[in-house]
Amino acid sequence: MFQQRATVRLPHGIHSAIAHRLHHAASHFSSSVFLRWGGETASLRSIVAVLALGIQVGTEIEILGDGTDEVEAVGAVAAMIQSTTDA
């Protein structure tokens, strides 16, 4: 399992459109990808679980990957989360 810390820089945090984009990005990898914050962990396979974390701008989270391309998967998700645009 590979993990990386990232600070959410998206202006509105992780809302439904962003959760959908993260889900879509993670689906391109064979590895499972998870977000961890506040003692809770959510799979990017579940948009609802990601939204339930309530992640706001400025929050430091952990991104975890498990599988053959875990480093690439976590890197791709981290890049999206650390972006400063919702577009």
PDB file of N, CA and C in Angstrom:
ATOM      1  N   MET A   1       0.850  -1.176   0.000  1.00  0.00           N
ATOM      2  CA  MET A   1       0.000   0.000   0.000  1.00  0.00           C
ATOM      3  C   MET A   1       0.894   1.237   0.000  1.00  0.00           C
ATOM      4  N   PHE A   2       0.542   2.182  -0.859  1.00  0.00           N
ATOM      5  CA  PHE A   2       1.264   3.449  -0.969  1.00  0.00           C
ATOM      6  C   PHE A   2       0.351   4.552  -0.460  1.00  0.00           C
ATOM      7  N   GLN A   3       0.926   5.499   0.283  1.00  0.00           N
ATOM      8  CA  GLN A   3       0.118   6.609   0.763  1.00  0.00           C
ATOM      9  C   GLN A   3       0.866   7.919   0.633  1.00  0.00           C
ATOM     10  N   GLN A   4       0.099   8.983   0.491  1.00  0.00           N
ATOM     11  CA  GLN A   4       0.658  10.322   0.325  1.00  0.00           C
ATOM     12  C   GLN A   4      -0.279  11.320   1.005  1.00  0.00           C
ATOM     13  N   ARG A   5       0.301  12.282   1.679  1.00  0.00           N
ATOM     14  CA  ARG A   5      -0.490  13.357   2.286  1.00  0.00           C
ATOM     15  C   ARG A   5      -0.648  14.467   1.262  1.00  0.00           C
ATOM     16  N   ALA A   6      -1.787  15.132   1.296  1.00  0.00           N
ATOM     17  CA  ALA A   6      -2.045  16.243   0.380  1.00  0.00           C
ATOM     18  C   ALA A   6      -2.971  17.235   1.063  1.00  0.00           C
ATOM     19  N   THR A   7      -2.774  18.500   0.747  1.00  0.00           N
ATOM     20  CA  THR A   7      -3.659  19.534   1.247  1.00  0.00           C
ATOM     21  C   THR A   7      -4.633  19.911   0.139  1.00  0.00           C
ATOM     22  N   VAL A   8      -5.916  19.909   0.468  1.00  0.00           N
ATOM     23  CA  VAL A   8      -6.951  20.229  -0.511  1.00  0.00           C
ATOM     24  C   VAL A   8      -6.885  21.724  -0.804  1.00  0.00           C
ATOM     25  N   ARG A   9      -6.633  22.052  -2.059  1.00  0.00           N
ATOM     26  CA  ARG A   9      -6.551  23.450  -2.473  1.00  0.00           C
ATOM     27  C   ARG A   9      -7.734  23.849  -3.357  1.00  0.00           C
ATOM     28  N   LEU A  10      -8.614  22.917  -3.627  1.00  0.00           N
ATOM     29  CA  LEU A  10      -9.806  23.209  -4.421  1.00  0.00           C
ATOM     30  C   LEU A  10     -10.635  24.251  -3.671  1.00  0.00           C
ATOM     31  N   PRO A  11     -11.029  25.337  -4.322  1.00  0.00           N
ATOM     32  CA  PRO A  11     -11.690  26.447  -3.633  1.00  0.00           C
ATOM     33  C   PRO A  11     -12.940  26.069  -2.828  1.00  0.00           C
ATOM     34  N   HIS A  12     -13.668  25.047  -3.268  1.00  0.00           N
ATOM     35  CA  HIS A  12     -14.897  24.657  -2.576  1.00  0.00           C
ATOM     36  C   HIS A  12     -14.773  23.287  -1.921  1.00  0.00           C
ATOM     37  N   GLY A  13     -13.550  22.836  -1.725  1.00  0.00           N
ATOM     38  CA  GLY A  13     -13.340  21.516  -1.132  1.00  0.00           C
ATOM     39  C   GLY A  13     -13.779  20.420  -2.094  1.00  0.00           C
ATOM     40  N   ILE A  14     -14.086  19.272  -1.547  1.00  0.00           N
ATOM     41  CA  ILE A  14     -14.503  18.152  -2.388  1.00  0.00           C
ATOM     42  C   ILE A  14     -16.028  18.075  -2.367  1.00  0.00           C
ATOM     43  N   HIS A  15     -16.638  18.629  -3.403  1.00  0.00           N
ATOM     44  CA  HIS A  15     -18.092  18.609  -3.565  1.00  0.00           C
ATOM     45  C   HIS A  15     -18.447  17.537  -4.594  1.00  0.00           C
ATOM     46  N   SER A  16     -19.705  17.430  -4.956  1.00  0.00           N
ATOM     47  CA  SER A  16     -20.157  16.311  -5.785  1.00  0.00           C
ATOM     48  C   SER A  16     -19.469  16.227  -7.147  1.00  0.00           C
ATOM     49  N   ALA A  17     -19.283  17.357  -7.817  1.00  0.00           N
ATOM     50  CA  ALA A  17     -18.633  17.319  -9.134  1.00  0.00           C
ATOM     51  C   ALA A  17     -17.180  16.861  -9.017  1.00  0.00           C
ATOM     52  N   ILE A  18     -16.492  17.336  -8.004  1.00  0.00           N
ATOM     53  CA  ILE A  18     -15.098  16.926  -7.793  1.00  0.00           C
ATOM     54  C   ILE A  18     -15.040  15.451  -7.401  1.00  0.00           C
ATOM     55  N   ALA A  19     -15.935  15.014  -6.541  1.00  0.00           N
ATOM     56  CA  ALA A  19     -15.964  13.600  -6.145  1.00  0.00           C
ATOM     57  C   ALA A  19     -16.179  12.714  -7.372  1.00  0.00           C
ATOM     58  N   HIS A  20     -17.027  13.160  -8.283  1.00  0.00           N
ATOM     59  CA  HIS A  20     -17.261  12.404  -9.513  1.00  0.00           C
ATOM     60  C   HIS A  20     -15.988  12.360 -10.355  1.00  0.00           C
ATOM     61  N   ARG A  21     -15.302  13.472 -10.484  1.00  0.00           N
ATOM     62  CA  ARG A  21     -14.050  13.499 -11.263  1.00  0.00           C
ATOM     63  C   ARG A  21     -12.974  12.628 -10.636  1.00  0.00           C
ATOM     64  N   LEU A  22     -12.879  12.643  -9.304  1.00  0.00           N
ATOM     65  CA  LEU A  22     -11.903  11.786  -8.624  1.00  0.00           C
ATOM     66  C   LEU A  22     -12.245  10.313  -8.845  1.00  0.00           C
ATOM     67  N   HIS A  23     -13.523   9.987  -8.744  1.00  0.00           N
ATOM     68  CA  HIS A  23     -13.995   8.622  -9.001  1.00  0.00           C
ATOM     69  C   HIS A  23     -13.621   8.193 -10.424  1.00  0.00           C
ATOM     70  N   HIS A  24     -13.874   9.064 -11.377  1.00  0.00           N
ATOM     71  CA  HIS A  24     -13.580   8.767 -12.777  1.00  0.00           C
ATOM     72  C   HIS A  24     -12.072   8.587 -12.991  1.00  0.00           C
ATOM     73  N   ALA A  25     -11.271   9.474 -12.424  1.00  0.00           N
ATOM     74  CA  ALA A  25      -9.814   9.372 -12.568  1.00  0.00           C
ATOM     75  C   ALA A  25      -9.288   8.075 -11.965  1.00  0.00           C
ATOM     76  N   ALA A  26      -9.784   7.728 -10.784  1.00  0.00           N
ATOM     77  CA  ALA A  26      -9.316   6.507 -10.116  1.00  0.00           C
ATOM     78  C   ALA A  26      -9.726   5.255 -10.874  1.00  0.00           C
ATOM     79  N   SER A  27     -10.828   5.324 -11.614  1.00  0.00           N
ATOM     80  CA  SER A  27     -11.310   4.146 -12.345  1.00  0.00           C
ATOM     81  C   SER A  27     -10.401   3.751 -13.504  1.00  0.00           C
ATOM     82  N   HIS A  28      -9.486   4.636 -13.888  1.00  0.00           N
ATOM     83  CA  HIS A  28      -8.552   4.331 -14.968  1.00  0.00           C
ATOM     84  C   HIS A  28      -7.368   3.477 -14.502  1.00  0.00           C
ATOM     85  N   PHE A  29      -7.296   3.229 -13.214  1.00  0.00           N
ATOM     86  CA  PHE A  29      -6.203   2.444 -12.650  1.00  0.00           C
ATOM     87  C   PHE A  29      -6.730   1.131 -12.109  1.00  0.00           C
ATOM     88  N   SER A  30      -5.876   0.126 -12.083  1.00  0.00           N
ATOM     89  CA  SER A  30      -6.301  -1.161 -11.537  1.00  0.00           C
ATOM     90  C   SER A  30      -6.274  -1.148 -10.007  1.00  0.00           C
ATOM     91  N   SER A  31      -5.499  -0.240  -9.425  1.00  0.00           N
ATOM     92  CA  SER A  31      -5.401  -0.136  -7.970  1.00  0.00           C
ATOM     93  C   SER A  31      -6.660   0.470  -7.367  1.00  0.00           C
ATOM     94  N   SER A  32      -6.914   0.116  -6.132  1.00  0.00           N
ATOM     95  CA  SER A  32      -7.976   0.757  -5.360  1.00  0.00           C
ATOM     96  C   SER A  32      -7.393   2.014  -4.734  1.00  0.00           C
ATOM     97  N   VAL A  33      -8.176   3.098  -4.727  1.00  0.00           N
ATOM     98  CA  VAL A  33      -7.708   4.366  -4.180  1.00  0.00           C
ATOM     99  C   VAL A  33      -8.700   4.819  -3.111  1.00  0.00           C
ATOM    100  N   PHE A  34      -8.145   5.322  -1.997  1.00  0.00           N
ATOM    101  CA  PHE A  34      -8.947   5.737  -0.854  1.00  0.00           C
ATOM    102  C   PHE A  34      -8.519   7.121  -0.381  1.00  0.00           C
ATOM    103  N   LEU A  35      -9.452   7.843   0.233  1.00  0.00           N
ATOM    104  CA  LEU A  35      -9.149   9.091   0.916  1.00  0.00           C
ATOM    105  C   LEU A  35      -9.383   8.845   2.397  1.00  0.00           C
ATOM    106  N   ARG A  36      -8.478   9.379   3.238  1.00  0.00           N
ATOM    107  CA  ARG A  36      -8.619   9.230   4.688  1.00  0.00           C
ATOM    108  C   ARG A  36      -8.549  10.606   5.331  1.00  0.00           C
ATOM    109  N   TRP A  37      -9.527  10.888   6.176  1.00  0.00           N
ATOM    110  CA  TRP A  37      -9.537  12.134   6.929  1.00  0.00           C
ATOM    111  C   TRP A  37     -10.448  11.985   8.132  1.00  0.00           C
ATOM    112  N   GLY A  38     -10.047  12.580   9.237  1.00  0.00           N
ATOM    113  CA  GLY A  38     -10.877  12.582  10.439  1.00  0.00           C
ATOM    114  C   GLY A  38     -11.186  11.200  10.974  1.00  0.00           C
ATOM    115  N   GLY A  39     -10.261  10.273  10.810  1.00  0.00           N
ATOM    116  CA  GLY A  39     -10.485   8.922  11.308  1.00  0.00           C
ATOM    117  C   GLY A  39     -11.354   8.056  10.418  1.00  0.00           C
ATOM    118  N   GLU A  40     -11.798   8.592   9.291  1.00  0.00           N
ATOM    119  CA  GLU A  40     -12.653   7.845   8.363  1.00  0.00           C
ATOM    120  C   GLU A  40     -11.912   7.627   7.041  1.00  0.00           C
ATOM    121  N   THR A  41     -12.215   6.545   6.382  1.00  0.00           N
ATOM    122  CA  THR A  41     -11.624   6.231   5.079  1.00  0.00           C
ATOM    123  C   THR A  41     -12.751   5.954   4.088  1.00  0.00           C
ATOM    124  N   ALA A  42     -12.595   6.509   2.871  1.00  0.00           N
ATOM    125  CA  ALA A  42     -13.604   6.309   1.832  1.00  0.00           C
ATOM    126  C   ALA A  42     -12.929   5.873   0.539  1.00  0.00           C
ATOM    127  N   SER A  43     -13.503   4.885  -0.104  1.00  0.00           N
ATOM    128  CA  SER A  43     -13.019   4.433  -1.403  1.00  0.00           C
ATOM    129  C   SER A  43     -13.492   5.406  -2.479  1.00  0.00           C
ATOM    130  N   LEU A  44     -12.627   5.683  -3.440  1.00  0.00           N
ATOM    131  CA  LEU A  44     -13.042   6.530  -4.552  1.00  0.00           C
ATOM    132  C   LEU A  44     -14.010   5.807  -5.474  1.00  0.00           C
ATOM    133  N   ARG A  45     -14.287   4.551  -5.205  1.00  0.00           N
ATOM    134  CA  ARG A  45     -15.324   3.833  -5.954  1.00  0.00           C
ATOM    135  C   ARG A  45     -16.714   4.283  -5.525  1.00  0.00           C
ATOM    136  N   SER A  46     -16.802   4.956  -4.363  1.00  0.00           N
ATOM    137  CA  SER A  46     -18.097   5.405  -3.844  1.00  0.00           C
ATOM    138  C   SER A  46     -18.106   6.928  -3.698  1.00  0.00           C
ATOM    139  N   ILE A  47     -18.789   7.594  -4.599  1.00  0.00           N
ATOM    140  CA  ILE A  47     -18.886   9.056  -4.552  1.00  0.00           C
ATOM    141  C   ILE A  47     -19.561   9.491  -3.253  1.00  0.00           C
ATOM    142  N   VAL A  48     -20.580   8.789  -2.824  1.00  0.00           N
ATOM    143  CA  VAL A  48     -21.302   9.135  -1.599  1.00  0.00           C
ATOM    144  C   VAL A  48     -20.374   9.039  -0.385  1.00  0.00           C
ATOM    145  N   ALA A  49     -19.557   8.000  -0.322  1.00  0.00           N
ATOM    146  CA  ALA A  49     -18.631   7.837   0.800  1.00  0.00           C
ATOM    147  C   ALA A  49     -17.613   8.979   0.829  1.00  0.00           C
ATOM    148  N   VAL A  50     -17.151   9.389  -0.347  1.00  0.00           N
ATOM    149  CA  VAL A  50     -16.199  10.504  -0.429  1.00  0.00           C
ATOM    150  C   VAL A  50     -16.861  11.789   0.059  1.00  0.00           C
ATOM    151  N   LEU A  51     -18.078  12.050  -0.373  1.00  0.00           N
ATOM    152  CA  LEU A  51     -18.802  13.245   0.065  1.00  0.00           C
ATOM    153  C   LEU A  51     -19.052  13.229   1.569  1.00  0.00           C
ATOM    154  N   ALA A  52     -19.296  12.057   2.123  1.00  0.00           N
ATOM    155  CA  ALA A  52     -19.579  11.931   3.555  1.00  0.00           C
ATOM    156  C   ALA A  52     -18.387  12.351   4.415  1.00  0.00           C
ATOM    157  N   LEU A  53     -17.184  12.352   3.848  1.00  0.00           N
ATOM    158  CA  LEU A  53     -16.011  12.793   4.609  1.00  0.00           C
ATOM    159  C   LEU A  53     -16.077  14.293   4.911  1.00  0.00           C
ATOM    160  N   GLY A  54     -16.791  15.058   4.087  1.00  0.00           N
ATOM    161  CA  GLY A  54     -16.940  16.496   4.327  1.00  0.00           C
ATOM    162  C   GLY A  54     -15.640  17.266   4.226  1.00  0.00           C
ATOM    163  N   ILE A  55     -14.831  16.958   3.244  1.00  0.00           N
ATOM    164  CA  ILE A  55     -13.503  17.561   3.115  1.00  0.00           C
ATOM    165  C   ILE A  55     -13.600  18.972   2.532  1.00  0.00           C
ATOM    166  N   GLN A  56     -13.076  19.936   3.277  1.00  0.00           N
ATOM    167  CA  GLN A  56     -13.112  21.340   2.887  1.00  0.00           C
ATOM    168  C   GLN A  56     -11.728  21.812   2.414  1.00  0.00           C
ATOM    169  N   VAL A  57     -11.705  22.976   1.784  1.00  0.00           N
ATOM    170  CA  VAL A  57     -10.445  23.580   1.352  1.00  0.00           C
ATOM    171  C   VAL A  57      -9.539  23.770   2.570  1.00  0.00           C
ATOM    172  N   GLY A  58      -8.252  23.504   2.385  1.00  0.00           N
ATOM    173  CA  GLY A  58      -7.272  23.655   3.454  1.00  0.00           C
ATOM    174  C   GLY A  58      -7.078  22.422   4.308  1.00  0.00           C
ATOM    175  N   THR A  59      -7.894  21.398   4.089  1.00  0.00           N
ATOM    176  CA  THR A  59      -7.806  20.169   4.868  1.00  0.00           C
ATOM    177  C   THR A  59      -6.643  19.315   4.372  1.00  0.00           C
ATOM    178  N   GLU A  60      -5.850  18.791   5.309  1.00  0.00           N
ATOM    179  CA  GLU A  60      -4.798  17.848   4.931  1.00  0.00           C
ATOM    180  C   GLU A  60      -5.369  16.442   5.049  1.00  0.00           C
ATOM    181  N   ILE A  61      -5.286  15.694   3.965  1.00  0.00           N
ATOM    182  CA  ILE A  61      -5.836  14.338   3.933  1.00  0.00           C
ATOM    183  C   ILE A  61      -4.740  13.362   3.530  1.00  0.00           C
ATOM    184  N   GLU A  62      -5.053  12.083   3.662  1.00  0.00           N
ATOM    185  CA  GLU A  62      -4.180  11.028   3.162  1.00  0.00           C
ATOM    186  C   GLU A  62      -4.853  10.385   1.964  1.00  0.00           C
ATOM    187  N   ILE A  63      -4.070  10.122   0.946  1.00  0.00           N
ATOM    188  CA  ILE A  63      -4.537   9.392  -0.232  1.00  0.00           C
ATOM    189  C   ILE A  63      -3.807   8.059  -0.209  1.00  0.00           C
ATOM    190  N   LEU A  64      -4.545   6.984  -0.282  1.00  0.00           N
ATOM    191  CA  LEU A  64      -3.964   5.653  -0.220  1.00  0.00           C
ATOM    192  C   LEU A  64      -4.273   4.883  -1.493  1.00  0.00           C
ATOM    193  N   GLY A  65      -3.309   4.119  -1.953  1.00  0.00           N
ATOM    194  CA  GLY A  65      -3.506   3.268  -3.113  1.00  0.00           C
ATOM    195  C   GLY A  65      -3.048   1.863  -2.803  1.00  0.00           C
ATOM    196  N   ASP A  66      -3.734   0.899  -3.344  1.00  0.00           N
ATOM    197  CA  ASP A  66      -3.374  -0.491  -3.134  1.00  0.00           C
ATOM    198  C   ASP A  66      -3.537  -1.251  -4.446  1.00  0.00           C
ATOM    199  N   GLY A  67      -2.412  -1.664  -5.020  1.00  0.00           N
ATOM    200  CA  GLY A  67      -2.452  -2.420  -6.267  1.00  0.00           C
ATOM    201  C   GLY A  67      -1.183  -2.229  -7.075  1.00  0.00           C
ATOM    202  N   THR A  68      -1.197  -2.740  -8.273  1.00  0.00           N
ATOM    203  CA  THR A  68       0.012  -2.745  -9.099  1.00  0.00           C
ATOM    204  C   THR A  68       0.431  -1.368  -9.583  1.00  0.00           C
ATOM    205  N   ASP A  69      -0.507  -0.456  -9.748  1.00  0.00           N
ATOM    206  CA  ASP A  69      -0.168   0.901 -10.209  1.00  0.00           C
ATOM    207  C   ASP A  69      -0.528   1.953  -9.150  1.00  0.00           C
ATOM    208  N   GLU A  70      -0.364   1.563  -7.883  1.00  0.00           N
ATOM    209  CA  GLU A  70      -0.773   2.418  -6.765  1.00  0.00           C
ATOM    210  C   GLU A  70      -0.072   3.774  -6.737  1.00  0.00           C
ATOM    211  N   VAL A  71       1.212   3.816  -7.076  1.00  0.00           N
ATOM    212  CA  VAL A  71       1.953   5.081  -7.043  1.00  0.00           C
ATOM    213  C   VAL A  71       1.388   6.055  -8.072  1.00  0.00           C
ATOM    214  N   GLU A  72       1.135   5.559  -9.271  1.00  0.00           N
ATOM    215  CA  GLU A  72       0.572   6.405 -10.327  1.00  0.00           C
ATOM    216  C   GLU A  72      -0.843   6.853  -9.982  1.00  0.00           C
ATOM    217  N   ALA A  73      -1.635   5.947  -9.440  1.00  0.00           N
ATOM    218  CA  ALA A  73      -3.019   6.270  -9.088  1.00  0.00           C
ATOM    219  C   ALA A  73      -3.068   7.340  -8.001  1.00  0.00           C
ATOM    220  N   VAL A  74      -2.281   7.172  -6.960  1.00  0.00           N
ATOM    221  CA  VAL A  74      -2.249   8.153  -5.870  1.00  0.00           C
ATOM    222  C   VAL A  74      -1.729   9.490  -6.385  1.00  0.00           C
ATOM    223  N   GLY A  75      -0.720   9.470  -7.239  1.00  0.00           N
ATOM    224  CA  GLY A  75      -0.181  10.701  -7.806  1.00  0.00           C
ATOM    225  C   GLY A  75      -1.210  11.462  -8.625  1.00  0.00           C
ATOM    226  N   ALA A  76      -1.993  10.748  -9.406  1.00  0.00           N
ATOM    227  CA  ALA A  76      -3.015  11.396 -10.231  1.00  0.00           C
ATOM    228  C   ALA A  76      -4.100  12.038  -9.367  1.00  0.00           C
ATOM    229  N   VAL A  77      -4.529  11.329  -8.341  1.00  0.00           N
ATOM    230  CA  VAL A  77      -5.563  11.863  -7.446  1.00  0.00           C
ATOM    231  C   VAL A  77      -5.006  13.044  -6.651  1.00  0.00           C
ATOM    232  N   ALA A  78      -3.785  12.932  -6.175  1.00  0.00           N
ATOM    233  CA  ALA A  78      -3.167  14.026  -5.423  1.00  0.00           C
ATOM    234  C   ALA A  78      -3.071  15.294  -6.262  1.00  0.00           C
ATOM    235  N   ALA A  79      -2.705  15.140  -7.522  1.00  0.00           N
ATOM    236  CA  ALA A  79      -2.602  16.307  -8.415  1.00  0.00           C
ATOM    237  C   ALA A  79      -3.953  17.015  -8.552  1.00  0.00           C
ATOM    238  N   MET A  80      -5.019  16.243  -8.647  1.00  0.00           N
ATOM    239  CA  MET A  80      -6.349  16.836  -8.757  1.00  0.00           C
ATOM    240  C   MET A  80      -6.744  17.555  -7.469  1.00  0.00           C
ATOM    241  N   ILE A  81      -6.469  16.930  -6.339  1.00  0.00           N
ATOM    242  CA  ILE A  81      -6.844  17.490  -5.047  1.00  0.00           C
ATOM    243  C   ILE A  81      -6.061  18.760  -4.737  1.00  0.00           C
ATOM    244  N   GLN A  82      -4.825  18.813  -5.189  1.00  0.00           N
ATOM    245  CA  GLN A  82      -3.981  19.972  -4.908  1.00  0.00           C
ATOM    246  C   GLN A  82      -4.137  21.077  -5.939  1.00  0.00           C
ATOM    247  N   SER A  83      -4.989  20.864  -6.913  1.00  0.00           N
ATOM    248  CA  SER A  83      -5.264  21.872  -7.920  1.00  0.00           C
ATOM    249  C   SER A  83      -6.019  23.027  -7.266  1.00  0.00           C
ATOM    250  N   THR A  84      -5.890  24.203  -7.853  1.00  0.00           N
ATOM    251  CA  THR A  84      -6.589  25.367  -7.294  1.00  0.00           C
ATOM    252  C   THR A  84      -7.823  25.736  -8.102  1.00  0.00           C
ATOM    253  N   THR A  85      -8.207  24.885  -9.056  1.00  0.00           N
ATOM    254  CA  THR A  85      -9.406  25.157  -9.852  1.00  0.00           C
ATOM    255  C   THR A  85     -10.357  23.981  -9.787  1.00  0.00           C
ATOM    256  N   ASP A  86     -11.640  24.274  -9.746  1.00  0.00           N
ATOM    257  CA  ASP A  86     -12.671  23.239  -9.755  1.00  0.00           C
ATOM    258  C   ASP A  86     -12.979  22.763 -11.160  1.00  0.00           C
ATOM    259  N   ALA A  87     -12.475  23.462 -12.158  1.00  0.00           N
ATOM    260  CA  ALA A  87     -12.816  23.160 -13.549  1.00  0.00           C
ATOM    261  C   ALA A  87     -12.101  21.936 -14.062  1.00  0.00           C
TER     262      ALA A  87
END
